Every structure is written in structure tokens, then in C-alpha cells.
Amino acid sequence: MKGIVEGIVTLAESGEVKVETANPQEMAFAVHKGSYPQLGEVFWKLVQWVEEKGYGIVGYSETVCYNDPHTTPEEKLVRKCQFPMRKKR
């Protein structure tokens, strides 16, 4: 899997559970209610906001789901879309 750190792939294949401590990280986020295909628009809006405010994205995007897509109607799905960011110098 090109572009993914080898240790992460090994961990994924092992099924192990690990614990890590992370430093505080500023995150730009938007909460979306609606269907999955619209998430691209939400992330694009986030990228534009980050750039306009003088920040840079410093990691991978994350999506936090607040309800179950298997039991929740598509129009009621709620997700937080986020990027880690840092102020540009």
C-alpha cells in the first residue's frame, strides 16, 4: 500500500489494540447532516477555510460519525469532518 507507513499496515493486519498519547492539535472541522456523497463538498469547504485563514493542513482528514449509517436514514446522518492544522509562518 503505497504511501502508508509500513508499521501501520502491520498493525492493521495484526488486529492489535494500542494506546498512544497525542499532543494537543488544532483541528478545523465542520459538522455535516445528510448523505455520504456530500462529504466531498464539506471537506473542500474546510480546505478553503484553512487556506483563507492562513493555516496549513498537517495531517490526514478524519470523519467522526454520530449515528449508525446502517439504522439511520441518510438525510439524518450526522458526521464531523476535520483536518489537523497549523498556522503558517
C-alpha atoms as a PDB file:
ATOM      1  CA  MET A   1       0.000   0.000   0.000  1.00  0.00           C
ATOM      2  CA  LYS A   2       1.945   2.907  -1.334  1.00  0.00           C
ATOM      3  CA  GLY A   3       2.088   5.993   0.866  1.00  0.00           C
ATOM      4  CA  ILE A   4       1.083   4.222   4.100  1.00  0.00           C
ATOM      5  CA  VAL A   5       3.708   3.733   6.794  1.00  0.00           C
ATOM      6  CA  GLU A   6       4.725   0.079   6.941  1.00  0.00           C
ATOM      7  CA  GLY A   7       4.194  -0.175  10.718  1.00  0.00           C
ATOM      8  CA  ILE A   8       0.605   0.989  10.355  1.00  0.00           C
ATOM      9  CA  VAL A   9      -0.133  -1.704   7.781  1.00  0.00           C
ATOM     10  CA  THR A  10       1.425  -4.338  10.053  1.00  0.00           C
ATOM     11  CA  LEU A  11      -0.687  -3.122  12.973  1.00  0.00           C
ATOM     12  CA  ALA A  12      -3.843  -3.199  10.831  1.00  0.00           C
ATOM     13  CA  GLU A  13      -3.100  -6.767   9.778  1.00  0.00           C
ATOM     14  CA  SER A  14      -2.416  -7.898  13.366  1.00  0.00           C
ATOM     15  CA  GLY A  15      -5.707  -6.608  14.798  1.00  0.00           C
ATOM     16  CA  GLU A  16      -3.877  -5.420  17.929  1.00  0.00           C
ATOM     17  CA  VAL A  17      -5.190  -2.605  20.087  1.00  0.00           C
ATOM     18  CA  LYS A  18      -2.611   0.013  21.107  1.00  0.00           C
ATOM     19  CA  VAL A  19      -2.606   3.132  23.264  1.00  0.00           C
ATOM     20  CA  GLU A  20      -0.871   6.361  22.370  1.00  0.00           C
ATOM     21  CA  THR A  21      -0.700   9.819  23.880  1.00  0.00           C
ATOM     22  CA  ALA A  22      -1.036  12.682  21.438  1.00  0.00           C
ATOM     23  CA  ASN A  23      -0.087  16.307  21.841  1.00  0.00           C
ATOM     24  CA  PRO A  24      -2.893  18.866  21.628  1.00  0.00           C
ATOM     25  CA  GLN A  25      -3.652  19.589  17.976  1.00  0.00           C
ATOM     26  CA  GLU A  26      -5.735  22.363  16.441  1.00  0.00           C
ATOM     27  CA  MET A  27      -8.430  20.964  14.192  1.00  0.00           C
ATOM     28  CA  ALA A  28     -10.598  22.703  11.615  1.00  0.00           C
ATOM     29  CA  PHE A  29     -13.973  20.993  11.498  1.00  0.00           C
ATOM     30  CA  ALA A  30     -17.461  21.239  10.100  1.00  0.00           C
ATOM     31  CA  VAL A  31     -20.477  19.170  11.079  1.00  0.00           C
ATOM     32  CA  HIS A  32     -22.482  17.721   8.195  1.00  0.00           C
ATOM     33  CA  LYS A  33     -26.030  16.391   8.244  1.00  0.00           C
ATOM     34  CA  GLY A  34     -27.033  14.379   5.202  1.00  0.00           C
ATOM     35  CA  SER A  35     -25.793  11.819   2.721  1.00  0.00           C
ATOM     36  CA  TYR A  36     -22.295  10.413   2.346  1.00  0.00           C
ATOM     37  CA  PRO A  37     -21.725  11.690  -1.236  1.00  0.00           C
ATOM     38  CA  GLN A  38     -21.942  15.284   0.045  1.00  0.00           C
ATOM     39  CA  LEU A  39     -18.907  14.836   2.311  1.00  0.00           C
ATOM     40  CA  GLY A  40     -16.539  15.815  -0.508  1.00  0.00           C
ATOM     41  CA  GLU A  41     -18.123  19.264  -0.570  1.00  0.00           C
ATOM     42  CA  VAL A  42     -17.707  19.589   3.189  1.00  0.00           C
ATOM     43  CA  PHE A  43     -14.022  18.675   3.049  1.00  0.00           C
ATOM     44  CA  TRP A  44     -13.466  21.071   0.125  1.00  0.00           C
ATOM     45  CA  LYS A  45     -15.077  23.860   2.183  1.00  0.00           C
ATOM     46  CA  LEU A  46     -12.732  23.007   5.063  1.00  0.00           C
ATOM     47  CA  VAL A  47      -9.649  23.114   2.815  1.00  0.00           C
ATOM     48  CA  GLN A  48     -10.673  26.531   1.500  1.00  0.00           C
ATOM     49  CA  TRP A  49     -11.336  27.865   5.018  1.00  0.00           C
ATOM     50  CA  VAL A  50      -7.976  26.606   6.307  1.00  0.00           C
ATOM     51  CA  GLU A  51      -6.107  28.308   3.455  1.00  0.00           C
ATOM     52  CA  GLU A  52      -8.085  31.571   3.714  1.00  0.00           C
ATOM     53  CA  LYS A  53      -7.333  31.837   7.441  1.00  0.00           C
ATOM     54  CA  GLY A  54      -3.577  31.384   6.961  1.00  0.00           C
ATOM     55  CA  TYR A  55      -3.305  27.827   8.192  1.00  0.00           C
ATOM     56  CA  GLY A  56      -1.911  24.703   6.585  1.00  0.00           C
ATOM     57  CA  ILE A  57      -3.207  21.150   6.820  1.00  0.00           C
ATOM     58  CA  VAL A  58      -0.695  18.983   8.684  1.00  0.00           C
ATOM     59  CA  GLY A  59      -2.216  15.509   8.527  1.00  0.00           C
ATOM     60  CA  TYR A  60      -4.969  13.297   7.251  1.00  0.00           C
ATOM     61  CA  SER A  61      -8.671  14.099   7.351  1.00  0.00           C
ATOM     62  CA  GLU A  62     -10.894  12.382   9.870  1.00  0.00           C
ATOM     63  CA  THR A  63     -14.618  11.755   9.969  1.00  0.00           C
ATOM     64  CA  VAL A  64     -16.461  11.151  13.232  1.00  0.00           C
ATOM     65  CA  CYS A  65     -19.884   9.516  12.858  1.00  0.00           C
ATOM     66  CA  TYR A  66     -22.516  10.412  15.443  1.00  0.00           C
ATOM     67  CA  ASN A  67     -25.120   7.863  14.397  1.00  0.00           C
ATOM     68  CA  ASP A  68     -25.230   4.488  12.708  1.00  0.00           C
ATOM     69  CA  PRO A  69     -25.445   4.579   8.890  1.00  0.00           C
ATOM     70  CA  HIS A  70     -26.980   1.089   8.955  1.00  0.00           C
ATOM     71  CA  THR A  71     -30.009   2.178  11.001  1.00  0.00           C
ATOM     72  CA  THR A  72     -30.273   5.944  10.388  1.00  0.00           C
ATOM     73  CA  PRO A  73     -31.983   7.417   7.322  1.00  0.00           C
ATOM     74  CA  GLU A  74     -29.399   9.027   5.019  1.00  0.00           C
ATOM     75  CA  GLU A  75     -30.823  12.543   5.421  1.00  0.00           C
ATOM     76  CA  LYS A  76     -30.409  12.292   9.227  1.00  0.00           C
ATOM     77  CA  LEU A  77     -26.789  11.095   9.300  1.00  0.00           C
ATOM     78  CA  VAL A  78     -24.532  13.454  11.274  1.00  0.00           C
ATOM     79  CA  ARG A  79     -20.746  13.500  10.858  1.00  0.00           C
ATOM     80  CA  LYS A  80     -17.930  15.767  11.982  1.00  0.00           C
ATOM     81  CA  CYS A  81     -15.350  16.250   9.218  1.00  0.00           C
ATOM     82  CA  GLN A  82     -11.968  17.548  10.331  1.00  0.00           C
ATOM     83  CA  PHE A  83      -8.354  18.268   9.425  1.00  0.00           C
ATOM     84  CA  PRO A  84      -5.414  18.872  11.744  1.00  0.00           C
ATOM     85  CA  MET A  85      -3.959  22.310  11.006  1.00  0.00           C
ATOM     86  CA  ARG A  86      -1.169  24.685  11.972  1.00  0.00           C
ATOM     87  CA  LYS A  87      -0.768  28.424  11.487  1.00  0.00           C
ATOM     88  CA  LYS A  88       1.615  29.222   8.609  1.00  0.00           C
ATOM     89  CA  ARG A  89       4.632  31.354   9.479  1.00  0.00           C
END
